[in-house]
């Protein structure tokens, strides 16, 4: 018995997504599971536009938090130095902790 030839001569016998699509998709799935606490089942059934919307909103939120932290960090220090009023030397610290002061 001979093998039947397919009706249409195609390069591939499977109509699926290429490998180029799979890696970004899996990265999106990972981000949703790890950072958004969405279950794997829910990620797989959620429409693509909703999944990408949630990831975009989460990314914007993280960027805003980074900007706020940077502003706080910049406002709390002046030229990389703290706001210490008095200058303390190493000898003074040694004397203080050894009880010689």
PDB file of N, CA and C in Angstrom:
ATOM      1  N   UNK A   1       0.837  -1.166   0.000  1.00  0.00           N
ATOM      2  CA  UNK A   1       0.000   0.000   0.000  1.00  0.00           C
ATOM      3  C   UNK A   1       0.892   1.242   0.000  1.00  0.00           C
ATOM      4  N   UNK A   2       0.640   2.192  -0.859  1.00  0.00           N
ATOM      5  CA  UNK A   2       1.459   3.395  -0.950  1.00  0.00           C
ATOM      6  C   UNK A   2       0.844   4.514  -0.110  1.00  0.00           C
ATOM      7  N   UNK A   3       1.710   5.445   0.282  1.00  0.00           N
ATOM      8  CA  UNK A   3       1.236   6.594   1.047  1.00  0.00           C
ATOM      9  C   UNK A   3       0.448   7.532   0.150  1.00  0.00           C
ATOM     10  N   UNK A   4      -0.603   8.095   0.696  1.00  0.00           N
ATOM     11  CA  UNK A   4      -1.402   9.032  -0.072  1.00  0.00           C
ATOM     12  C   UNK A   4      -0.694  10.381  -0.110  1.00  0.00           C
ATOM     13  N   UNK A   5      -0.683  10.991  -1.251  1.00  0.00           N
ATOM     14  CA  UNK A   5      -0.124  12.331  -1.363  1.00  0.00           C
ATOM     15  C   UNK A   5      -1.152  13.339  -0.878  1.00  0.00           C
ATOM     16  N   UNK A   6      -0.701  14.385  -0.200  1.00  0.00           N
ATOM     17  CA  UNK A   6      -1.653  15.421   0.222  1.00  0.00           C
ATOM     18  C   UNK A   6      -2.274  16.109  -0.987  1.00  0.00           C
ATOM     19  N   UNK A   7      -3.472  16.591  -0.805  1.00  0.00           N
ATOM     20  CA  UNK A   7      -4.193  17.243  -1.891  1.00  0.00           C
ATOM     21  C   UNK A   7      -3.443  18.482  -2.356  1.00  0.00           C
ATOM     22  N   UNK A   8      -2.990  19.307  -1.403  1.00  0.00           N
ATOM     23  CA  UNK A   8      -2.192  20.487  -1.721  1.00  0.00           C
ATOM     24  C   UNK A   8      -0.739  20.192  -1.366  1.00  0.00           C
ATOM     25  N   UNK A   9       0.160  20.527  -2.237  1.00  0.00           N
ATOM     26  CA  UNK A   9       1.580  20.341  -1.957  1.00  0.00           C
ATOM     27  C   UNK A   9       2.084  21.544  -1.146  1.00  0.00           C
ATOM     28  N   UNK A  10       2.252  21.328   0.146  1.00  0.00           N
ATOM     29  CA  UNK A  10       2.692  22.393   1.042  1.00  0.00           C
ATOM     30  C   UNK A  10       4.052  22.046   1.631  1.00  0.00           C
ATOM     31  N   UNK A  11       4.769  23.078   2.051  1.00  0.00           N
ATOM     32  CA  UNK A  11       6.063  22.856   2.692  1.00  0.00           C
ATOM     33  C   UNK A  11       5.887  22.234   4.072  1.00  0.00           C
ATOM     34  N   UNK A  12       4.876  22.641   4.767  1.00  0.00           N
ATOM     35  CA  UNK A  12       4.656  22.162   6.117  1.00  0.00           C
ATOM     36  C   UNK A  12       3.295  21.474   6.188  1.00  0.00           C
ATOM     37  N   UNK A  13       3.213  20.459   6.998  1.00  0.00           N
ATOM     38  CA  UNK A  13       1.933  19.765   7.132  1.00  0.00           C
ATOM     39  C   UNK A  13       1.158  20.241   8.346  1.00  0.00           C
ATOM     40  N   UNK A  14       1.749  21.199   9.100  1.00  0.00           N
ATOM     41  CA  UNK A  14       1.098  21.700  10.308  1.00  0.00           C
ATOM     42  C   UNK A  14       0.892  23.197  10.182  1.00  0.00           C
ATOM     43  N   UNK A  15      -0.336  23.642  10.394  1.00  0.00           N
ATOM     44  CA  UNK A  15      -0.642  25.065  10.344  1.00  0.00           C
ATOM     45  C   UNK A  15      -0.535  25.615  11.768  1.00  0.00           C
ATOM     46  N   UNK A  16       0.640  25.999  12.160  1.00  0.00           N
ATOM     47  CA  UNK A  16       0.849  26.517  13.504  1.00  0.00           C
ATOM     48  C   UNK A  16       1.721  27.755  13.468  1.00  0.00           C
ATOM     49  N   UNK A  17       1.927  28.277  14.632  1.00  0.00           N
ATOM     50  CA  UNK A  17       2.761  29.459  14.745  1.00  0.00           C
ATOM     51  C   UNK A  17       4.224  29.082  14.636  1.00  0.00           C
ATOM     52  N   UNK A  18       5.006  29.984  14.086  1.00  0.00           N
ATOM     53  CA  UNK A  18       6.432  29.721  13.943  1.00  0.00           C
ATOM     54  C   UNK A  18       7.137  29.878  15.288  1.00  0.00           C
ATOM     55  N   UNK A  19       8.386  29.456  15.328  1.00  0.00           N
ATOM     56  CA  UNK A  19       9.176  29.565  16.550  1.00  0.00           C
ATOM     57  C   UNK A  19       9.414  31.027  16.922  1.00  0.00           C
ATOM     58  N   UNK A  20       9.439  31.911  15.932  1.00  0.00           N
ATOM     59  CA  UNK A  20       9.657  33.332  16.201  1.00  0.00           C
ATOM     60  C   UNK A  20       8.522  33.914  17.052  1.00  0.00           C
ATOM     61  N   UNK A  21       7.359  33.367  16.970  1.00  0.00           N
ATOM     62  CA  UNK A  21       6.228  33.851  17.758  1.00  0.00           C
ATOM     63  C   UNK A  21       6.219  33.242  19.149  1.00  0.00           C
ATOM     64  N   UNK A  22       6.704  32.035  19.273  1.00  0.00           N
ATOM     65  CA  UNK A  22       6.579  31.298  20.527  1.00  0.00           C
ATOM     66  C   UNK A  22       7.349  31.937  21.674  1.00  0.00           C
ATOM     67  N   UNK A  23       8.573  32.379  21.429  1.00  0.00           N
ATOM     68  CA  UNK A  23       9.373  32.935  22.526  1.00  0.00           C
ATOM     69  C   UNK A  23       8.755  34.210  23.117  1.00  0.00           C
ATOM     70  N   UNK A  24       8.353  35.211  22.311  1.00  0.00           N
ATOM     71  CA  UNK A  24       7.687  36.384  22.907  1.00  0.00           C
ATOM     72  C   UNK A  24       6.385  36.009  23.626  1.00  0.00           C
ATOM     73  N   UNK A  25       5.667  35.047  23.071  1.00  0.00           N
ATOM     74  CA  UNK A  25       4.431  34.606  23.715  1.00  0.00           C
ATOM     75  C   UNK A  25       4.728  34.006  25.087  1.00  0.00           C
ATOM     76  N   UNK A  26       5.737  33.158  25.157  1.00  0.00           N
ATOM     77  CA  UNK A  26       6.091  32.542  26.437  1.00  0.00           C
ATOM     78  C   UNK A  26       6.611  33.579  27.427  1.00  0.00           C
ATOM     79  N   UNK A  27       7.294  34.605  26.949  1.00  0.00           N
ATOM     80  CA  UNK A  27       7.731  35.682  27.838  1.00  0.00           C
ATOM     81  C   UNK A  27       6.537  36.426  28.408  1.00  0.00           C
ATOM     82  N   UNK A  28       5.522  36.658  27.591  1.00  0.00           N
ATOM     83  CA  UNK A  28       4.302  37.295  28.074  1.00  0.00           C
ATOM     84  C   UNK A  28       3.598  36.413  29.100  1.00  0.00           C
ATOM     85  N   UNK A  29       3.543  35.122  28.837  1.00  0.00           N
ATOM     86  CA  UNK A  29       2.923  34.182  29.777  1.00  0.00           C
ATOM     87  C   UNK A  29       3.675  34.218  31.104  1.00  0.00           C
ATOM     88  N   UNK A  30       5.001  34.182  31.042  1.00  0.00           N
ATOM     89  CA  UNK A  30       5.814  34.218  32.252  1.00  0.00           C
ATOM     90  C   UNK A  30       5.561  35.507  33.042  1.00  0.00           C
ATOM     91  N   UNK A  31       5.517  36.649  32.358  1.00  0.00           N
ATOM     92  CA  UNK A  31       5.282  37.926  33.029  1.00  0.00           C
ATOM     93  C   UNK A  31       3.918  37.941  33.710  1.00  0.00           C
ATOM     94  N   UNK A  32       2.912  37.416  33.038  1.00  0.00           N
ATOM     95  CA  UNK A  32       1.569  37.389  33.620  1.00  0.00           C
ATOM     96  C   UNK A  32       1.515  36.483  34.855  1.00  0.00           C
ATOM     97  N   UNK A  33       2.163  35.345  34.780  1.00  0.00           N
ATOM     98  CA  UNK A  33       2.131  34.403  35.901  1.00  0.00           C
ATOM     99  C   UNK A  33       2.934  34.941  37.071  1.00  0.00           C
ATOM    100  N   UNK A  34       4.150  35.418  36.821  1.00  0.00           N
ATOM    101  CA  UNK A  34       5.046  35.827  37.906  1.00  0.00           C
ATOM    102  C   UNK A  34       4.661  37.166  38.510  1.00  0.00           C
ATOM    103  N   UNK A  35       4.436  38.172  37.686  1.00  0.00           N
ATOM    104  CA  UNK A  35       4.264  39.527  38.196  1.00  0.00           C
ATOM    105  C   UNK A  35       2.803  39.938  38.382  1.00  0.00           C
ATOM    106  N   UNK A  36       1.918  39.387  37.597  1.00  0.00           N
ATOM    107  CA  UNK A  36       0.505  39.769  37.696  1.00  0.00           C
ATOM    108  C   UNK A  36      -0.325  38.746  38.457  1.00  0.00           C
ATOM    109  N   UNK A  37       0.302  37.633  38.837  1.00  0.00           N
ATOM    110  CA  UNK A  37      -0.359  36.564  39.593  1.00  0.00           C
ATOM    111  C   UNK A  37      -1.613  36.039  38.896  1.00  0.00           C
ATOM    112  N   UNK A  38      -1.517  35.880  37.593  1.00  0.00           N
ATOM    113  CA  UNK A  38      -2.607  35.286  36.815  1.00  0.00           C
ATOM    114  C   UNK A  38      -2.256  33.815  36.617  1.00  0.00           C
ATOM    115  N   UNK A  39      -3.218  32.945  36.778  1.00  0.00           N
ATOM    116  CA  UNK A  39      -2.943  31.517  36.626  1.00  0.00           C
ATOM    117  C   UNK A  39      -2.637  31.178  35.168  1.00  0.00           C
ATOM    118  N   UNK A  40      -1.918  30.089  34.977  1.00  0.00           N
ATOM    119  CA  UNK A  40      -1.546  29.655  33.623  1.00  0.00           C
ATOM    120  C   UNK A  40      -2.786  29.419  32.778  1.00  0.00           C
ATOM    121  N   UNK A  41      -3.776  28.797  33.361  1.00  0.00           N
ATOM    122  CA  UNK A  41      -5.022  28.516  32.629  1.00  0.00           C
ATOM    123  C   UNK A  41      -5.661  29.819  32.154  1.00  0.00           C
ATOM    124  N   UNK A  42      -5.734  30.804  33.047  1.00  0.00           N
ATOM    125  CA  UNK A  42      -6.354  32.075  32.672  1.00  0.00           C
ATOM    126  C   UNK A  42      -5.545  32.802  31.606  1.00  0.00           C
ATOM    127  N   UNK A  43      -4.223  32.735  31.705  1.00  0.00           N
ATOM    128  CA  UNK A  43      -3.379  33.384  30.696  1.00  0.00           C
ATOM    129  C   UNK A  43      -3.620  32.758  29.328  1.00  0.00           C
ATOM    130  N   UNK A  44      -3.782  31.451  29.303  1.00  0.00           N
ATOM    131  CA  UNK A  44      -3.949  30.766  28.026  1.00  0.00           C
ATOM    132  C   UNK A  44      -5.309  31.051  27.375  1.00  0.00           C
ATOM    133  N   UNK A  45      -6.330  31.357  28.165  1.00  0.00           N
ATOM    134  CA  UNK A  45      -7.641  31.600  27.566  1.00  0.00           C
ATOM    135  C   UNK A  45      -7.943  33.090  27.377  1.00  0.00           C
ATOM    136  N   UNK A  46      -7.118  33.947  27.974  1.00  0.00           N
ATOM    137  CA  UNK A  46      -7.364  35.384  27.853  1.00  0.00           C
ATOM    138  C   UNK A  46      -7.000  35.836  26.435  1.00  0.00           C
ATOM    139  N   UNK A  47      -7.769  36.743  25.858  1.00  0.00           N
ATOM    140  CA  UNK A  47      -7.422  37.247  24.519  1.00  0.00           C
ATOM    141  C   UNK A  47      -6.080  37.986  24.531  1.00  0.00           C
ATOM    142  N   UNK A  48      -5.408  37.954  23.411  1.00  0.00           N
ATOM    143  CA  UNK A  48      -4.072  38.551  23.299  1.00  0.00           C
ATOM    144  C   UNK A  48      -4.095  40.032  23.649  1.00  0.00           C
ATOM    145  N   UNK A  49      -5.069  40.784  23.154  1.00  0.00           N
ATOM    146  CA  UNK A  49      -5.099  42.223  23.407  1.00  0.00           C
ATOM    147  C   UNK A  49      -5.261  42.522  24.894  1.00  0.00           C
ATOM    148  N   UNK A  50      -6.006  41.693  25.626  1.00  0.00           N
ATOM    149  CA  UNK A  50      -6.152  41.908  27.067  1.00  0.00           C
ATOM    150  C   UNK A  50      -4.853  41.584  27.797  1.00  0.00           C
ATOM    151  N   UNK A  51      -4.211  40.493  27.417  1.00  0.00           N
ATOM    152  CA  UNK A  51      -2.947  40.106  28.042  1.00  0.00           C
ATOM    153  C   UNK A  51      -1.919  41.210  27.859  1.00  0.00           C
ATOM    154  N   UNK A  52      -1.801  41.720  26.664  1.00  0.00           N
ATOM    155  CA  UNK A  52      -0.827  42.775  26.381  1.00  0.00           C
ATOM    156  C   UNK A  52      -1.205  44.082  27.059  1.00  0.00           C
ATOM    157  N   UNK A  53      -2.491  44.345  27.214  1.00  0.00           N
ATOM    158  CA  UNK A  53      -2.938  45.538  27.940  1.00  0.00           C
ATOM    159  C   UNK A  53      -2.491  45.464  29.395  1.00  0.00           C
ATOM    160  N   UNK A  54      -2.698  44.316  30.043  1.00  0.00           N
ATOM    161  CA  UNK A  54      -2.302  44.161  31.443  1.00  0.00           C
ATOM    162  C   UNK A  54      -0.792  44.298  31.612  1.00  0.00           C
ATOM    163  N   UNK A  55      -0.041  43.738  30.686  1.00  0.00           N
ATOM    164  CA  UNK A  55       1.417  43.838  30.758  1.00  0.00           C
ATOM    165  C   UNK A  55       1.857  45.291  30.562  1.00  0.00           C
ATOM    166  N   UNK A  56       1.230  45.993  29.630  1.00  0.00           N
ATOM    167  CA  UNK A  56       1.582  47.397  29.384  1.00  0.00           C
ATOM    168  C   UNK A  56       1.275  48.263  30.604  1.00  0.00           C
ATOM    169  N   UNK A  57       0.113  48.071  31.210  1.00  0.00           N
ATOM    170  CA  UNK A  57      -0.257  48.840  32.396  1.00  0.00           C
ATOM    171  C   UNK A  57       0.705  48.543  33.543  1.00  0.00           C
ATOM    172  N   UNK A  58       1.059  47.278  33.727  1.00  0.00           N
ATOM    173  CA  UNK A  58       2.002  46.905  34.778  1.00  0.00           C
ATOM    174  C   UNK A  58       3.364  47.549  34.538  1.00  0.00           C
ATOM    175  N   UNK A  59       3.825  47.546  33.295  1.00  0.00           N
ATOM    176  CA  UNK A  59       5.116  48.145  32.960  1.00  0.00           C
ATOM    177  C   UNK A  59       5.104  49.647  33.223  1.00  0.00           C
ATOM    178  N   UNK A  60       4.025  50.322  32.858  1.00  0.00           N
ATOM    179  CA  UNK A  60       3.914  51.761  33.126  1.00  0.00           C
ATOM    180  C   UNK A  60       3.931  52.041  34.625  1.00  0.00           C
ATOM    181  N   UNK A  61       3.255  51.215  35.402  1.00  0.00           N
ATOM    182  CA  UNK A  61       3.217  51.380  36.851  1.00  0.00           C
ATOM    183  C   UNK A  61       4.617  51.216  37.453  1.00  0.00           C
ATOM    184  N   UNK A  62       5.359  50.231  36.996  1.00  0.00           N
ATOM    185  CA  UNK A  62       6.722  50.009  37.494  1.00  0.00           C
ATOM    186  C   UNK A  62       7.615  51.187  37.132  1.00  0.00           C
ATOM    187  N   UNK A  63       7.482  51.715  35.921  1.00  0.00           N
ATOM    188  CA  UNK A  63       8.290  52.865  35.506  1.00  0.00           C
ATOM    189  C   UNK A  63       7.985  54.091  36.359  1.00  0.00           C
ATOM    190  N   UNK A  64       6.711  54.332  36.668  1.00  0.00           N
ATOM    191  CA  UNK A  64       6.346  55.458  37.528  1.00  0.00           C
ATOM    192  C   UNK A  64       6.939  55.296  38.920  1.00  0.00           C
ATOM    193  N   UNK A  65       6.907  54.080  39.468  1.00  0.00           N
ATOM    194  CA  UNK A  65       7.487  53.833  40.781  1.00  0.00           C
ATOM    195  C   UNK A  65       8.994  54.056  40.768  1.00  0.00           C
ATOM    196  N   UNK A  66       9.667  53.650  39.692  1.00  0.00           N
ATOM    197  CA  UNK A  66      11.113  53.888  39.575  1.00  0.00           C
ATOM    198  C   UNK A  66      11.412  55.379  39.547  1.00  0.00           C
ATOM    199  N   UNK A  67      10.607  56.149  38.803  1.00  0.00           N
ATOM    200  CA  UNK A  67      10.807  57.594  38.734  1.00  0.00           C
ATOM    201  C   UNK A  67      10.623  58.229  40.108  1.00  0.00           C
ATOM    202  N   UNK A  68       9.606  57.810  40.851  1.00  0.00           N
ATOM    203  CA  UNK A  68       9.371  58.349  42.192  1.00  0.00           C
ATOM    204  C   UNK A  68      10.534  58.022  43.116  1.00  0.00           C
ATOM    205  N   UNK A  69      11.030  56.785  43.055  1.00  0.00           N
ATOM    206  CA  UNK A  69      12.160  56.398  43.894  1.00  0.00           C
ATOM    207  C   UNK A  69      13.401  57.207  43.529  1.00  0.00           C
ATOM    208  N   UNK A  70      13.607  57.473  42.262  1.00  0.00           N
ATOM    209  CA  UNK A  70      14.754  58.273  41.831  1.00  0.00           C
ATOM    210  C   UNK A  70      14.630  59.708  42.331  1.00  0.00           C
ATOM    211  N   UNK A  71      13.416  60.262  42.270  1.00  0.00           N
ATOM    212  CA  UNK A  71      13.195  61.617  42.786  1.00  0.00           C
ATOM    213  C   UNK A  71      13.459  61.673  44.288  1.00  0.00           C
ATOM    214  N   UNK A  72      12.996  60.685  45.019  1.00  0.00           N
ATOM    215  CA  UNK A  72      13.229  60.639  46.460  1.00  0.00           C
ATOM    216  C   UNK A  72      14.715  60.522  46.749  1.00  0.00           C
ATOM    217  N   UNK A  73      15.395  59.667  46.011  1.00  0.00           N
ATOM    218  CA  UNK A  73      16.831  59.488  46.207  1.00  0.00           C
ATOM    219  C   UNK A  73      17.590  60.780  45.913  1.00  0.00           C
ATOM    220  N   UNK A  74      17.206  61.478  44.851  1.00  0.00           N
ATOM    221  CA  UNK A  74      17.887  62.726  44.491  1.00  0.00           C
ATOM    222  C   UNK A  74      17.589  63.846  45.481  1.00  0.00           C
ATOM    223  N   UNK A  75      16.384  63.888  46.023  1.00  0.00           N
ATOM    224  CA  UNK A  75      16.035  64.956  46.951  1.00  0.00           C
ATOM    225  C   UNK A  75      16.589  64.709  48.355  1.00  0.00           C
ATOM    226  N   UNK A  76      16.894  63.479  48.693  1.00  0.00           N
ATOM    227  CA  UNK A  76      17.375  63.190  50.049  1.00  0.00           C
ATOM    228  C   UNK A  76      18.869  63.426  50.207  1.00  0.00           C
ATOM    229  N   UNK A  77      19.610  63.508  49.127  1.00  0.00           N
ATOM    230  CA  UNK A  77      21.052  63.747  49.219  1.00  0.00           C
ATOM    231  C   UNK A  77      21.422  64.995  48.435  1.00  0.00           C
ATOM    232  N   UNK A  78      22.513  65.619  48.849  1.00  0.00           N
ATOM    233  CA  UNK A  78      23.018  66.791  48.161  1.00  0.00           C
ATOM    234  C   UNK A  78      24.438  66.491  47.717  1.00  0.00           C
ATOM    235  N   UNK A  79      24.665  66.475  46.443  1.00  0.00           N
ATOM    236  CA  UNK A  79      25.983  66.195  45.877  1.00  0.00           C
ATOM    237  C   UNK A  79      26.555  64.880  46.377  1.00  0.00           C
ATOM    238  N   UNK A  80      25.740  63.911  46.631  1.00  0.00           N
ATOM    239  CA  UNK A  80      26.213  62.608  47.069  1.00  0.00           C
ATOM    240  C   UNK A  80      26.571  62.555  48.541  1.00  0.00           C
ATOM    241  N   UNK A  81      26.376  63.647  49.257  1.00  0.00           N
ATOM    242  CA  UNK A  81      26.698  63.676  50.683  1.00  0.00           C
ATOM    243  C   UNK A  81      25.408  63.706  51.481  1.00  0.00           C
ATOM    244  N   UNK A  82      25.477  63.217  52.667  1.00  0.00           N
ATOM    245  CA  UNK A  82      24.309  63.236  53.538  1.00  0.00           C
ATOM    246  C   UNK A  82      24.075  64.607  54.143  1.00  0.00           C
ATOM    247  N   UNK A  83      23.152  64.691  55.061  1.00  0.00           N
ATOM    248  CA  UNK A  83      22.795  65.954  55.689  1.00  0.00           C
ATOM    249  C   UNK A  83      23.377  66.069  57.096  1.00  0.00           C
ATOM    250  N   UNK A  84      24.521  65.471  57.326  1.00  0.00           N
ATOM    251  CA  UNK A  84      25.145  65.514  58.642  1.00  0.00           C
ATOM    252  C   UNK A  84      25.591  66.937  58.952  1.00  0.00           C
ATOM    253  N   UNK A  85      25.347  67.360  60.175  1.00  0.00           N
ATOM    254  CA  UNK A  85      25.705  68.716  60.584  1.00  0.00           C
ATOM    255  C   UNK A  85      27.108  68.737  61.186  1.00  0.00           C
ATOM    256  N   UNK A  86      27.415  67.777  62.039  1.00  0.00           N
ATOM    257  CA  UNK A  86      28.721  67.748  62.686  1.00  0.00           C
ATOM    258  C   UNK A  86      29.620  66.748  61.985  1.00  0.00           C
ATOM    259  N   UNK A  87      30.903  67.017  62.036  1.00  0.00           N
ATOM    260  CA  UNK A  87      31.881  66.136  61.418  1.00  0.00           C
ATOM    261  C   UNK A  87      32.464  65.240  62.503  1.00  0.00           C
ATOM    262  N   UNK A  88      32.459  63.953  62.272  1.00  0.00           N
ATOM    263  CA  UNK A  88      32.954  62.996  63.248  1.00  0.00           C
ATOM    264  C   UNK A  88      34.174  62.313  62.651  1.00  0.00           C
ATOM    265  N   UNK A  89      35.264  62.310  63.391  1.00  0.00           N
ATOM    266  CA  UNK A  89      36.480  61.666  62.906  1.00  0.00           C
ATOM    267  C   UNK A  89      36.547  60.238  63.412  1.00  0.00           C
ATOM    268  N   UNK A  90      37.451  59.466  62.836  1.00  0.00           N
ATOM    269  CA  UNK A  90      37.632  58.086  63.262  1.00  0.00           C
ATOM    270  C   UNK A  90      38.118  57.986  64.687  1.00  0.00           C
ATOM    271  N   UNK A  91      39.002  58.901  65.095  1.00  0.00           N
ATOM    272  CA  UNK A  91      39.522  58.896  66.467  1.00  0.00           C
ATOM    273  C   UNK A  91      38.406  59.149  67.472  1.00  0.00           C
ATOM    274  N   UNK A  92      37.489  60.037  67.119  1.00  0.00           N
ATOM    275  CA  UNK A  92      36.374  60.335  68.029  1.00  0.00           C
ATOM    276  C   UNK A  92      35.485  59.117  68.184  1.00  0.00           C
ATOM    277  N   UNK A  93      35.268  58.373  67.113  1.00  0.00           N
ATOM    278  CA  UNK A  93      34.451  57.168  67.218  1.00  0.00           C
ATOM    279  C   UNK A  93      35.124  56.112  68.068  1.00  0.00           C
ATOM    280  N   UNK A  94      36.430  55.933  67.900  1.00  0.00           N
ATOM    281  CA  UNK A  94      37.156  54.954  68.687  1.00  0.00           C
ATOM    282  C   UNK A  94      37.087  55.324  70.157  1.00  0.00           C
ATOM    283  N   UNK A  95      37.292  56.610  70.449  1.00  0.00           N
ATOM    284  CA  UNK A  95      37.250  57.071  71.834  1.00  0.00           C
ATOM    285  C   UNK A  95      35.872  56.886  72.425  1.00  0.00           C
ATOM    286  N   UNK A  96      34.845  57.148  71.632  1.00  0.00           N
ATOM    287  CA  UNK A  96      33.473  57.058  72.115  1.00  0.00           C
ATOM    288  C   UNK A  96      33.104  55.623  72.456  1.00  0.00           C
ATOM    289  N   UNK A  97      33.455  54.686  71.575  1.00  0.00           N
ATOM    290  CA  UNK A  97      33.074  53.309  71.787  1.00  0.00           C
ATOM    291  C   UNK A  97      33.982  52.578  72.773  1.00  0.00           C
ATOM    292  N   UNK A  98      35.183  53.095  73.001  1.00  0.00           N
ATOM    293  CA  UNK A  98      36.056  52.435  73.969  1.00  0.00           C
ATOM    294  C   UNK A  98      35.882  53.020  75.360  1.00  0.00           C
ATOM    295  N   UNK A  99      35.064  54.067  75.496  1.00  0.00           N
ATOM    296  CA  UNK A  99      34.760  54.638  76.801  1.00  0.00           C
ATOM    297  C   UNK A  99      35.791  55.624  77.257  1.00  0.00           C
ATOM    298  N   UNK A 100      36.628  56.105  76.388  1.00  0.00           N
ATOM    299  CA  UNK A 100      37.675  57.049  76.750  1.00  0.00           C
ATOM    300  C   UNK A 100      37.233  58.484  76.627  1.00  0.00           C
ATOM    301  N   UNK A 101      36.081  58.750  76.229  1.00  0.00           N
ATOM    302  CA  UNK A 101      35.635  60.107  76.006  1.00  0.00           C
ATOM    303  C   UNK A 101      35.072  60.736  77.179  1.00  0.00           C
TER     304      UNK A 101
END
